[in-house]
Amino acid sequence: MAGSDARALSRSLLDLCRMRKLTIATAESCTGGLVAGALTDIPGSSDVIDRGFVTYSNDAKRAMLGVEASTLTNFGAVSKETATAMAVGALERAGVDLAVAITGIAGPGGATPGKPVGLVHFAAAARDGRIVHREQRFGAIGRTAVRQRSVVEALRMLMDLARGPQAAAKPRRNATAATRLRPRVTRSPRRHAVKRRTPRSPRG
């Protein structure tokens, strides 16, 4: 199911980015390049996908994406701060319009206190300054399942950014319809009062 979801999302994302002339880069740790693979599996993706960074080690995150050593030391590789730094680093180094980053614990080992197996941090950054972070706790559902679900989540985040900042600001359809369909109060037309003249008594 996750595979078909990823393929459908990849097609939709590429079509949207092609229409809006947007380019994409990925920065992946626990998924090991699966997001870039899902996108480049679609024919014609080269006009949207620029590159993918597979930064599995902390050294790679520092060298390839410019993640600060202090960020990794203070917050760890699997954190909001590191995911955000990875996304921003990919955006800047590739010179693209959109970038997504993934770092997590796919399992079965690697858990630490407060960071269980299945914890994944995602960040997506846009050239216009928007940055989105999401945290998912998939649980110990198996290494393959964590990685597959992470790919789908990353693609969804890219879709949200590709739609533009106005997407979140649009009013809900139901609310708009309700406003339009509000019955108007029918006002009866004003009747002009007619002044009746009092008949004058005849002069005598």
N, C-alpha and C. Protein backbone atom coordinates (compact mmCIF):
# COMPACT_ATOMS: atom_id res chain seq x y z
N MET A 1 0.84 -1.21 0.00
CA MET A 1 0.00 0.00 0.00
C MET A 1 0.86 1.25 0.00
N ALA A 2 1.91 1.25 0.86
CA ALA A 2 2.78 2.42 0.93
C ALA A 2 3.49 2.66 -0.39
N GLY A 3 3.83 1.56 -1.09
CA GLY A 3 4.51 1.71 -2.37
C GLY A 3 3.63 2.38 -3.41
N SER A 4 2.34 1.98 -3.47
CA SER A 4 1.43 2.59 -4.44
C SER A 4 1.12 4.04 -4.06
N ASP A 5 1.04 4.30 -2.75
CA ASP A 5 0.83 5.68 -2.29
C ASP A 5 2.00 6.56 -2.72
N ALA A 6 3.21 6.05 -2.52
CA ALA A 6 4.41 6.82 -2.86
C ALA A 6 4.47 7.10 -4.35
N ARG A 7 4.07 6.12 -5.16
CA ARG A 7 4.12 6.32 -6.61
C ARG A 7 3.10 7.37 -7.06
N ALA A 8 1.89 7.27 -6.50
CA ALA A 8 0.85 8.23 -6.86
C ALA A 8 1.23 9.64 -6.41
N LEU A 9 1.75 9.76 -5.19
CA LEU A 9 2.19 11.06 -4.69
C LEU A 9 3.34 11.62 -5.51
N SER A 10 4.26 10.75 -5.90
CA SER A 10 5.41 11.20 -6.70
C SER A 10 4.94 11.79 -8.02
N ARG A 11 4.00 11.11 -8.67
CA ARG A 11 3.48 11.61 -9.95
C ARG A 11 2.80 12.97 -9.77
N SER A 12 1.95 13.06 -8.73
CA SER A 12 1.24 14.31 -8.49
C SER A 12 2.19 15.45 -8.17
N LEU A 13 3.19 15.15 -7.35
CA LEU A 13 4.18 16.17 -6.96
C LEU A 13 4.97 16.65 -8.16
N LEU A 14 5.42 15.73 -8.99
CA LEU A 14 6.19 16.11 -10.17
C LEU A 14 5.34 16.95 -11.13
N ASP A 15 4.09 16.57 -11.32
CA ASP A 15 3.21 17.33 -12.21
C ASP A 15 3.01 18.76 -11.69
N LEU A 16 2.79 18.87 -10.37
CA LEU A 16 2.57 20.18 -9.76
C LEU A 16 3.83 21.05 -9.88
N CYS A 17 4.98 20.46 -9.58
CA CYS A 17 6.24 21.22 -9.65
C CYS A 17 6.58 21.60 -11.08
N ARG A 18 6.27 20.72 -12.00
CA ARG A 18 6.52 21.03 -13.41
C ARG A 18 5.66 22.22 -13.84
N MET A 19 4.41 22.22 -13.41
CA MET A 19 3.50 23.30 -13.75
C MET A 19 3.97 24.62 -13.14
N ARG A 20 4.50 24.55 -11.93
CA ARG A 20 4.92 25.77 -11.24
C ARG A 20 6.40 26.08 -11.41
N LYS A 21 7.08 25.24 -12.21
CA LYS A 21 8.51 25.43 -12.49
C LYS A 21 9.34 25.42 -11.20
N LEU A 22 9.11 24.40 -10.36
CA LEU A 22 9.82 24.24 -9.09
C LEU A 22 10.78 23.06 -9.18
N THR A 23 11.92 23.20 -8.52
CA THR A 23 12.90 22.12 -8.48
C THR A 23 13.06 21.62 -7.04
N ILE A 24 13.50 20.37 -6.91
CA ILE A 24 13.53 19.70 -5.61
C ILE A 24 14.88 19.04 -5.35
N ALA A 25 15.28 19.06 -4.06
CA ALA A 25 16.42 18.27 -3.59
C ALA A 25 15.98 17.52 -2.33
N THR A 26 16.58 16.38 -2.07
CA THR A 26 16.26 15.61 -0.86
C THR A 26 17.51 15.43 -0.01
N ALA A 27 17.30 15.34 1.29
CA ALA A 27 18.39 15.05 2.23
C ALA A 27 17.89 13.93 3.14
N GLU A 28 18.48 12.75 3.01
CA GLU A 28 17.94 11.58 3.69
C GLU A 28 18.98 10.89 4.56
N SER A 29 18.52 10.46 5.71
CA SER A 29 19.35 9.67 6.60
C SER A 29 18.76 8.26 6.71
N CYS A 30 17.72 8.07 7.52
CA CYS A 30 17.21 6.72 7.75
C CYS A 30 16.56 6.09 6.52
N THR A 31 16.12 6.90 5.56
CA THR A 31 15.51 6.35 4.35
C THR A 31 16.55 6.05 3.26
N GLY A 32 17.76 6.48 3.44
CA GLY A 32 18.85 6.09 2.56
C GLY A 32 18.65 6.35 1.08
N GLY A 33 17.92 7.39 0.71
CA GLY A 33 17.73 7.73 -0.69
C GLY A 33 16.42 7.23 -1.29
N LEU A 34 15.53 6.69 -0.46
CA LEU A 34 14.27 6.14 -0.98
C LEU A 34 13.33 7.22 -1.53
N VAL A 35 13.37 8.41 -0.95
CA VAL A 35 12.51 9.50 -1.46
C VAL A 35 12.98 9.91 -2.86
N ALA A 36 14.28 10.11 -3.00
CA ALA A 36 14.83 10.44 -4.32
C ALA A 36 14.56 9.31 -5.30
N GLY A 37 14.64 8.07 -4.82
CA GLY A 37 14.37 6.92 -5.68
C GLY A 37 12.93 6.87 -6.15
N ALA A 38 11.98 7.18 -5.23
CA ALA A 38 10.56 7.17 -5.60
C ALA A 38 10.27 8.23 -6.66
N LEU A 39 10.89 9.38 -6.53
CA LEU A 39 10.66 10.47 -7.48
C LEU A 39 11.31 10.19 -8.83
N THR A 40 12.55 9.72 -8.80
CA THR A 40 13.26 9.49 -10.06
C THR A 40 12.82 8.20 -10.76
N ASP A 41 11.97 7.43 -10.08
CA ASP A 41 11.40 6.24 -10.72
C ASP A 41 10.35 6.63 -11.76
N ILE A 42 9.87 7.87 -11.68
CA ILE A 42 8.87 8.37 -12.63
C ILE A 42 9.58 8.95 -13.85
N PRO A 43 9.26 8.48 -15.05
CA PRO A 43 9.90 9.04 -16.25
C PRO A 43 9.68 10.54 -16.36
N GLY A 44 10.72 11.24 -16.77
CA GLY A 44 10.63 12.69 -16.96
C GLY A 44 10.85 13.50 -15.71
N SER A 45 11.28 12.85 -14.61
CA SER A 45 11.46 13.56 -13.34
C SER A 45 12.67 14.47 -13.34
N SER A 46 13.53 14.34 -14.34
CA SER A 46 14.77 15.12 -14.34
C SER A 46 14.54 16.61 -14.48
N ASP A 47 13.37 17.03 -14.96
CA ASP A 47 13.12 18.47 -15.05
C ASP A 47 12.67 19.07 -13.73
N VAL A 48 12.49 18.22 -12.70
CA VAL A 48 12.11 18.69 -11.37
C VAL A 48 13.17 18.33 -10.31
N ILE A 49 13.66 17.10 -10.36
CA ILE A 49 14.60 16.62 -9.34
C ILE A 49 16.02 17.04 -9.70
N ASP A 50 16.66 17.74 -8.78
CA ASP A 50 18.03 18.20 -9.01
C ASP A 50 19.05 17.21 -8.46
N ARG A 51 18.89 16.84 -7.18
CA ARG A 51 19.84 15.92 -6.55
C ARG A 51 19.30 15.40 -5.23
N GLY A 52 19.94 14.35 -4.74
CA GLY A 52 19.60 13.80 -3.43
C GLY A 52 20.86 13.60 -2.61
N PHE A 53 20.81 14.01 -1.35
CA PHE A 53 21.92 13.81 -0.42
C PHE A 53 21.57 12.64 0.50
N VAL A 54 22.41 11.62 0.52
CA VAL A 54 22.24 10.53 1.49
C VAL A 54 23.31 10.74 2.56
N THR A 55 22.88 11.27 3.69
CA THR A 55 23.83 11.64 4.75
C THR A 55 23.55 10.77 5.97
N TYR A 56 24.04 9.55 5.92
CA TYR A 56 23.73 8.57 6.95
C TYR A 56 24.49 8.85 8.25
N SER A 57 25.72 9.29 8.13
CA SER A 57 26.53 9.54 9.33
C SER A 57 26.48 11.01 9.72
N ASN A 58 26.88 11.30 10.94
CA ASN A 58 26.96 12.69 11.39
C ASN A 58 28.00 13.46 10.59
N ASP A 59 29.10 12.79 10.25
CA ASP A 59 30.15 13.43 9.45
C ASP A 59 29.59 13.87 8.10
N ALA A 60 28.76 13.01 7.50
CA ALA A 60 28.17 13.35 6.20
C ALA A 60 27.21 14.52 6.34
N LYS A 61 26.46 14.56 7.42
CA LYS A 61 25.53 15.68 7.64
C LYS A 61 26.29 16.99 7.75
N ARG A 62 27.43 16.94 8.42
CA ARG A 62 28.24 18.16 8.56
C ARG A 62 28.88 18.55 7.23
N ALA A 63 29.51 17.58 6.57
CA ALA A 63 30.28 17.87 5.36
C ALA A 63 29.40 18.22 4.16
N MET A 64 28.30 17.50 3.99
CA MET A 64 27.49 17.67 2.78
C MET A 64 26.37 18.70 2.93
N LEU A 65 25.87 18.85 4.16
CA LEU A 65 24.72 19.74 4.37
C LEU A 65 25.01 20.92 5.27
N GLY A 66 26.20 20.94 5.87
CA GLY A 66 26.55 22.07 6.72
C GLY A 66 25.87 22.07 8.08
N VAL A 67 25.42 20.90 8.54
CA VAL A 67 24.82 20.83 9.87
C VAL A 67 25.90 21.09 10.91
N GLU A 68 25.66 22.00 11.83
CA GLU A 68 26.66 22.36 12.83
C GLU A 68 26.90 21.19 13.79
N ALA A 69 28.16 21.03 14.17
CA ALA A 69 28.52 19.98 15.13
C ALA A 69 27.79 20.19 16.45
N SER A 70 27.60 21.44 16.83
CA SER A 70 26.92 21.74 18.09
C SER A 70 25.45 21.30 18.05
N THR A 71 24.83 21.39 16.87
CA THR A 71 23.44 20.94 16.72
C THR A 71 23.34 19.44 16.96
N LEU A 72 24.27 18.71 16.38
CA LEU A 72 24.28 17.26 16.53
C LEU A 72 24.60 16.85 17.97
N THR A 73 25.51 17.59 18.60
CA THR A 73 25.89 17.27 19.98
C THR A 73 24.76 17.59 20.95
N ASN A 74 24.16 18.74 20.79
CA ASN A 74 23.14 19.20 21.75
C ASN A 74 21.78 18.52 21.57
N PHE A 75 21.43 18.23 20.33
CA PHE A 75 20.08 17.70 20.08
C PHE A 75 20.07 16.29 19.54
N GLY A 76 21.18 15.85 19.00
CA GLY A 76 21.24 14.51 18.43
C GLY A 76 20.88 14.51 16.95
N ALA A 77 21.26 13.41 16.28
CA ALA A 77 20.98 13.31 14.84
C ALA A 77 19.49 13.21 14.57
N VAL A 78 18.76 12.56 15.47
CA VAL A 78 17.31 12.41 15.29
C VAL A 78 16.62 13.48 16.13
N SER A 79 16.39 14.63 15.53
CA SER A 79 15.80 15.76 16.24
C SER A 79 15.23 16.75 15.25
N LYS A 80 14.36 17.59 15.75
CA LYS A 80 13.78 18.66 14.93
C LYS A 80 14.87 19.58 14.41
N GLU A 81 15.81 19.91 15.29
CA GLU A 81 16.87 20.86 14.94
C GLU A 81 17.75 20.32 13.81
N THR A 82 18.10 19.04 13.90
CA THR A 82 18.95 18.46 12.86
C THR A 82 18.20 18.32 11.54
N ALA A 83 16.95 17.88 11.61
CA ALA A 83 16.16 17.75 10.38
C ALA A 83 16.01 19.10 9.68
N THR A 84 15.76 20.15 10.46
CA THR A 84 15.61 21.48 9.88
C THR A 84 16.92 21.95 9.25
N ALA A 85 18.02 21.71 9.95
CA ALA A 85 19.34 22.11 9.41
C ALA A 85 19.66 21.34 8.13
N MET A 86 19.25 20.09 8.07
CA MET A 86 19.48 19.28 6.86
C MET A 86 18.68 19.83 5.68
N ALA A 87 17.42 20.18 5.92
CA ALA A 87 16.57 20.71 4.85
C ALA A 87 17.10 22.04 4.33
N VAL A 88 17.47 22.92 5.25
CA VAL A 88 17.99 24.23 4.85
C VAL A 88 19.33 24.06 4.12
N GLY A 89 20.16 23.15 4.61
CA GLY A 89 21.45 22.89 3.96
C GLY A 89 21.28 22.37 2.54
N ALA A 90 20.33 21.46 2.35
CA ALA A 90 20.08 20.92 1.01
C ALA A 90 19.56 22.01 0.07
N LEU A 91 18.68 22.84 0.60
CA LEU A 91 18.11 23.94 -0.19
C LEU A 91 19.22 24.88 -0.66
N GLU A 92 20.11 25.25 0.25
CA GLU A 92 21.17 26.21 -0.07
C GLU A 92 22.23 25.61 -0.98
N ARG A 93 22.62 24.38 -0.71
CA ARG A 93 23.70 23.77 -1.50
C ARG A 93 23.26 23.38 -2.90
N ALA A 94 22.00 23.00 -3.05
CA ALA A 94 21.51 22.61 -4.37
C ALA A 94 20.98 23.80 -5.16
N GLY A 95 20.60 24.87 -4.46
CA GLY A 95 20.04 26.04 -5.14
C GLY A 95 18.69 25.76 -5.76
N VAL A 96 17.90 24.89 -5.09
CA VAL A 96 16.58 24.51 -5.61
C VAL A 96 15.48 25.34 -4.96
N ASP A 97 14.24 25.03 -5.32
CA ASP A 97 13.10 25.75 -4.75
C ASP A 97 12.54 25.08 -3.50
N LEU A 98 12.63 23.74 -3.44
CA LEU A 98 12.10 22.97 -2.33
C LEU A 98 13.08 21.88 -1.92
N ALA A 99 13.14 21.62 -0.61
CA ALA A 99 13.99 20.52 -0.12
C ALA A 99 13.29 19.85 1.05
N VAL A 100 13.48 18.55 1.17
CA VAL A 100 12.92 17.80 2.29
C VAL A 100 14.03 16.99 2.94
N ALA A 101 13.95 16.85 4.26
CA ALA A 101 14.96 16.11 5.01
C ALA A 101 14.29 15.11 5.94
N ILE A 102 14.93 13.96 6.11
CA ILE A 102 14.40 12.89 6.97
C ILE A 102 15.53 12.34 7.83
N THR A 103 15.28 12.23 9.12
CA THR A 103 16.24 11.59 10.02
C THR A 103 15.45 10.89 11.11
N GLY A 104 15.78 9.61 11.34
CA GLY A 104 14.99 8.86 12.32
C GLY A 104 15.63 7.54 12.71
N ILE A 105 14.87 6.77 13.46
CA ILE A 105 15.33 5.46 13.95
C ILE A 105 14.40 4.41 13.36
N ALA A 106 14.88 3.76 12.30
CA ALA A 106 14.05 2.78 11.61
C ALA A 106 14.02 1.44 12.34
N GLY A 107 15.02 1.17 13.16
CA GLY A 107 15.06 -0.07 13.93
C GLY A 107 15.76 -1.21 13.18
N PRO A 108 15.81 -2.37 13.78
CA PRO A 108 15.18 -2.71 15.07
C PRO A 108 15.93 -2.18 16.30
N GLY A 109 17.20 -1.79 16.11
CA GLY A 109 17.96 -1.22 17.23
C GLY A 109 18.07 0.29 17.08
N GLY A 110 18.90 0.90 17.92
CA GLY A 110 19.17 2.32 17.82
C GLY A 110 18.38 3.21 18.73
N ALA A 111 17.44 2.64 19.48
CA ALA A 111 16.63 3.47 20.38
C ALA A 111 17.46 3.97 21.55
N THR A 112 17.13 5.17 22.01
CA THR A 112 17.76 5.75 23.19
C THR A 112 16.64 6.30 24.08
N PRO A 113 16.93 6.62 25.34
CA PRO A 113 15.89 7.17 26.21
C PRO A 113 15.21 8.40 25.59
N GLY A 114 13.90 8.34 25.44
CA GLY A 114 13.16 9.45 24.84
C GLY A 114 13.09 9.40 23.33
N LYS A 115 13.86 8.50 22.71
CA LYS A 115 13.87 8.38 21.25
C LYS A 115 13.69 6.90 20.89
N PRO A 116 12.44 6.46 20.80
CA PRO A 116 12.17 5.05 20.53
C PRO A 116 12.33 4.68 19.06
N VAL A 117 12.33 3.40 18.80
CA VAL A 117 12.31 2.92 17.42
C VAL A 117 11.02 3.41 16.76
N GLY A 118 11.14 3.87 15.54
CA GLY A 118 9.98 4.40 14.81
C GLY A 118 9.85 5.90 14.88
N LEU A 119 10.70 6.57 15.68
CA LEU A 119 10.68 8.03 15.75
C LEU A 119 11.38 8.60 14.52
N VAL A 120 10.69 9.46 13.80
CA VAL A 120 11.27 10.08 12.60
C VAL A 120 10.94 11.57 12.60
N HIS A 121 11.95 12.37 12.35
CA HIS A 121 11.77 13.82 12.21
C HIS A 121 11.90 14.20 10.73
N PHE A 122 10.95 15.03 10.29
CA PHE A 122 10.93 15.50 8.91
C PHE A 122 10.99 17.03 8.91
N ALA A 123 11.65 17.57 7.91
CA ALA A 123 11.64 19.03 7.71
C ALA A 123 11.62 19.29 6.21
N ALA A 124 10.85 20.30 5.82
CA ALA A 124 10.82 20.72 4.42
C ALA A 124 11.02 22.22 4.38
N ALA A 125 11.82 22.67 3.44
CA ALA A 125 12.13 24.10 3.33
C ALA A 125 11.88 24.58 1.91
N ALA A 126 11.40 25.82 1.80
CA ALA A 126 11.13 26.42 0.50
C ALA A 126 11.99 27.65 0.30
N ARG A 127 12.23 27.97 -0.95
CA ARG A 127 13.08 29.11 -1.29
C ARG A 127 12.50 30.42 -0.75
N ASP A 128 11.17 30.49 -0.56
CA ASP A 128 10.55 31.73 -0.08
C ASP A 128 10.64 31.87 1.44
N GLY A 129 11.33 30.95 2.11
CA GLY A 129 11.54 31.09 3.55
C GLY A 129 10.68 30.20 4.42
N ARG A 130 9.68 29.52 3.84
CA ARG A 130 8.83 28.64 4.64
C ARG A 130 9.59 27.39 5.06
N ILE A 131 9.45 27.01 6.32
CA ILE A 131 10.06 25.79 6.84
C ILE A 131 8.99 25.05 7.67
N VAL A 132 8.82 23.77 7.37
CA VAL A 132 7.82 22.96 8.06
C VAL A 132 8.53 21.78 8.72
N HIS A 133 8.15 21.49 9.96
CA HIS A 133 8.69 20.33 10.66
C HIS A 133 7.56 19.42 11.10
N ARG A 134 7.77 18.13 11.01
CA ARG A 134 6.81 17.16 11.53
C ARG A 134 7.56 16.03 12.24
N GLU A 135 6.95 15.55 13.28
CA GLU A 135 7.51 14.41 14.01
C GLU A 135 6.50 13.26 13.93
N GLN A 136 6.99 12.09 13.59
CA GLN A 136 6.14 10.91 13.55
C GLN A 136 6.73 9.82 14.45
N ARG A 137 5.86 9.16 15.17
CA ARG A 137 6.26 8.00 15.99
C ARG A 137 5.51 6.80 15.44
N PHE A 138 6.13 6.14 14.49
CA PHE A 138 5.48 5.02 13.81
C PHE A 138 5.46 3.76 14.69
N GLY A 139 6.33 3.72 15.67
CA GLY A 139 6.40 2.54 16.52
C GLY A 139 7.28 1.46 15.91
N ALA A 140 7.39 0.35 16.62
CA ALA A 140 8.24 -0.76 16.15
C ALA A 140 7.46 -1.61 15.15
N ILE A 141 7.20 -1.05 13.99
CA ILE A 141 6.40 -1.73 12.97
C ILE A 141 7.29 -2.44 11.94
N GLY A 142 8.59 -2.43 12.18
CA GLY A 142 9.52 -3.04 11.24
C GLY A 142 10.28 -2.00 10.45
N ARG A 143 11.52 -2.28 10.18
CA ARG A 143 12.40 -1.34 9.50
C ARG A 143 11.85 -0.91 8.14
N THR A 144 11.41 -1.88 7.37
CA THR A 144 10.91 -1.57 6.02
C THR A 144 9.68 -0.68 6.09
N ALA A 145 8.76 -0.99 6.99
CA ALA A 145 7.52 -0.21 7.10
C ALA A 145 7.80 1.22 7.54
N VAL A 146 8.72 1.39 8.50
CA VAL A 146 9.08 2.76 8.94
C VAL A 146 9.63 3.56 7.78
N ARG A 147 10.50 2.95 7.01
CA ARG A 147 11.12 3.66 5.88
C ARG A 147 10.09 3.98 4.80
N GLN A 148 9.20 3.05 4.51
CA GLN A 148 8.19 3.28 3.48
C GLN A 148 7.21 4.38 3.88
N ARG A 149 6.79 4.35 5.14
CA ARG A 149 5.86 5.38 5.60
C ARG A 149 6.53 6.74 5.68
N SER A 150 7.83 6.73 5.93
CA SER A 150 8.59 7.99 5.95
C SER A 150 8.65 8.62 4.56
N VAL A 151 8.79 7.79 3.55
CA VAL A 151 8.81 8.30 2.17
C VAL A 151 7.49 8.99 1.84
N VAL A 152 6.37 8.36 2.20
CA VAL A 152 5.05 8.94 1.92
C VAL A 152 4.88 10.27 2.65
N GLU A 153 5.31 10.31 3.92
CA GLU A 153 5.19 11.55 4.71
C GLU A 153 6.02 12.67 4.09
N ALA A 154 7.23 12.35 3.65
CA ALA A 154 8.10 13.36 3.04
C ALA A 154 7.49 13.91 1.75
N LEU A 155 6.92 13.03 0.94
CA LEU A 155 6.28 13.47 -0.31
C LEU A 155 5.08 14.37 -0.03
N ARG A 156 4.32 14.05 1.00
CA ARG A 156 3.18 14.89 1.37
C ARG A 156 3.62 16.28 1.80
N MET A 157 4.71 16.34 2.52
CA MET A 157 5.22 17.65 2.96
C MET A 157 5.66 18.49 1.76
N LEU A 158 6.31 17.84 0.80
CA LEU A 158 6.73 18.56 -0.40
C LEU A 158 5.50 19.06 -1.17
N MET A 159 4.46 18.24 -1.22
CA MET A 159 3.21 18.65 -1.89
C MET A 159 2.63 19.90 -1.23
N ASP A 160 2.62 19.91 0.09
CA ASP A 160 2.07 21.05 0.83
C ASP A 160 2.83 22.33 0.49
N LEU A 161 4.17 22.23 0.45
CA LEU A 161 4.97 23.42 0.14
C LEU A 161 4.80 23.83 -1.33
N ALA A 162 4.71 22.83 -2.20
CA ALA A 162 4.60 23.14 -3.63
C ALA A 162 3.30 23.85 -3.97
N ARG A 163 2.26 23.58 -3.19
CA ARG A 163 0.97 24.23 -3.43
C ARG A 163 1.03 25.73 -3.14
N GLY A 164 1.97 26.13 -2.30
CA GLY A 164 2.15 27.55 -2.02
C GLY A 164 1.54 27.96 -0.70
N PRO A 165 1.97 29.11 -0.16
CA PRO A 165 1.47 29.57 1.14
C PRO A 165 0.00 29.90 1.15
N GLN A 166 -0.57 30.18 -0.03
CA GLN A 166 -1.97 30.54 -0.07
C GLN A 166 -2.88 29.34 0.15
N ALA A 167 -2.36 28.12 0.02
CA ALA A 167 -3.20 26.94 0.16
C ALA A 167 -3.81 26.84 1.55
N ALA A 168 -3.00 27.14 2.57
CA ALA A 168 -3.50 27.05 3.95
C ALA A 168 -4.46 28.18 4.28
N ALA A 169 -4.35 29.29 3.53
CA ALA A 169 -5.18 30.45 3.84
C ALA A 169 -6.54 30.42 3.16
N LYS A 170 -6.73 29.46 2.23
CA LYS A 170 -8.00 29.41 1.52
C LYS A 170 -9.13 29.01 2.45
N PRO A 171 -10.28 29.66 2.33
CA PRO A 171 -11.40 29.27 3.18
C PRO A 171 -11.92 27.90 2.81
N ARG A 172 -12.45 27.19 3.79
CA ARG A 172 -12.99 25.87 3.54
C ARG A 172 -14.22 26.00 2.65
N ARG A 173 -14.39 25.00 1.78
CA ARG A 173 -15.50 25.06 0.81
C ARG A 173 -16.84 25.11 1.52
N ASN A 174 -16.99 24.29 2.54
CA ASN A 174 -18.28 24.25 3.23
C ASN A 174 -18.65 25.62 3.80
N ALA A 175 -17.62 26.26 4.38
CA ALA A 175 -17.88 27.57 4.99
C ALA A 175 -18.28 28.58 3.92
N THR A 176 -17.59 28.51 2.78
CA THR A 176 -17.90 29.45 1.71
C THR A 176 -19.31 29.21 1.19
N ALA A 177 -19.62 27.92 0.99
CA ALA A 177 -20.94 27.59 0.48
C ALA A 177 -22.03 28.05 1.44
N ALA A 178 -21.76 27.85 2.72
CA ALA A 178 -22.75 28.26 3.72
C ALA A 178 -22.99 29.75 3.66
N THR A 179 -21.91 30.49 3.43
CA THR A 179 -22.04 31.94 3.36
C THR A 179 -22.84 32.34 2.12
N ARG A 180 -22.55 31.68 1.02
CA ARG A 180 -23.23 32.04 -0.22
C ARG A 180 -24.71 31.66 -0.19
N LEU A 181 -25.00 30.55 0.49
CA LEU A 181 -26.37 30.06 0.48
C LEU A 181 -27.23 30.60 1.60
N ARG A 182 -26.70 31.55 2.35
CA ARG A 182 -27.49 32.13 3.44
C ARG A 182 -28.70 32.85 2.85
N PRO A 183 -29.90 32.49 3.31
CA PRO A 183 -31.10 33.12 2.70
C PRO A 183 -31.15 34.61 2.99
N ARG A 184 -31.55 35.33 1.99
CA ARG A 184 -31.65 36.78 2.17
C ARG A 184 -32.98 37.13 2.80
N VAL A 185 -32.96 38.13 3.60
CA VAL A 185 -34.20 38.60 4.22
C VAL A 185 -34.92 39.45 3.18
N THR A 186 -36.10 39.01 2.85
CA THR A 186 -36.87 39.75 1.83
C THR A 186 -37.56 40.94 2.48
N ARG A 187 -37.25 42.07 1.94
CA ARG A 187 -37.88 43.28 2.48
C ARG A 187 -39.06 43.69 1.61
N SER A 188 -40.16 43.98 2.25
CA SER A 188 -41.31 44.44 1.47
C SER A 188 -41.04 45.87 1.02
N PRO A 189 -41.45 46.19 -0.19
CA PRO A 189 -41.16 47.54 -0.71
C PRO A 189 -41.85 48.61 0.13
N ARG A 190 -41.12 49.71 0.24
CA ARG A 190 -41.69 50.81 1.02
C ARG A 190 -42.89 51.41 0.30
N ARG A 191 -43.89 51.65 1.07
CA ARG A 191 -45.04 52.34 0.49
C ARG A 191 -44.99 53.81 0.86
N HIS A 192 -45.08 54.61 -0.15
CA HIS A 192 -45.05 56.05 0.12
C HIS A 192 -46.39 56.50 0.70
N ALA A 193 -46.31 57.09 1.83
CA ALA A 193 -47.57 57.57 2.46
C ALA A 193 -48.16 58.70 1.63
N VAL A 194 -49.43 58.58 1.37
CA VAL A 194 -50.11 59.63 0.58
C VAL A 194 -50.79 60.58 1.54
N LYS A 195 -50.45 61.85 1.41
CA LYS A 195 -51.09 62.85 2.30
C LYS A 195 -52.50 63.14 1.80
N ARG A 196 -53.37 62.94 2.68
CA ARG A 196 -54.75 63.26 2.32
C ARG A 196 -55.05 64.71 2.71
N ARG A 197 -55.58 65.41 1.78
CA ARG A 197 -55.90 66.81 2.05
C ARG A 197 -57.30 66.89 2.67
N THR A 198 -57.39 67.64 3.69
CA THR A 198 -58.70 67.85 4.32
C THR A 198 -59.49 68.85 3.47
N PRO A 199 -60.66 68.45 3.03
CA PRO A 199 -61.43 69.36 2.13
C PRO A 199 -61.77 70.67 2.85
N ARG A 200 -61.54 71.75 2.13
CA ARG A 200 -61.82 73.06 2.73
C ARG A 200 -63.35 73.31 2.73
N SER A 201 -63.76 73.89 3.77
CA SER A 201 -65.19 74.24 3.83
C SER A 201 -65.46 75.45 2.93
N PRO A 202 -66.54 75.43 2.21
CA PRO A 202 -66.81 76.53 1.28
C PRO A 202 -66.95 77.87 1.98
N ARG A 203 -66.42 78.85 1.29
CA ARG A 203 -66.53 80.21 1.89
C ARG A 203 -67.97 80.73 1.78
N GLY A 204 -68.48 81.33 2.81
CA GLY A 204 -69.86 81.81 2.77
C GLY A 204 -69.95 83.31 2.89
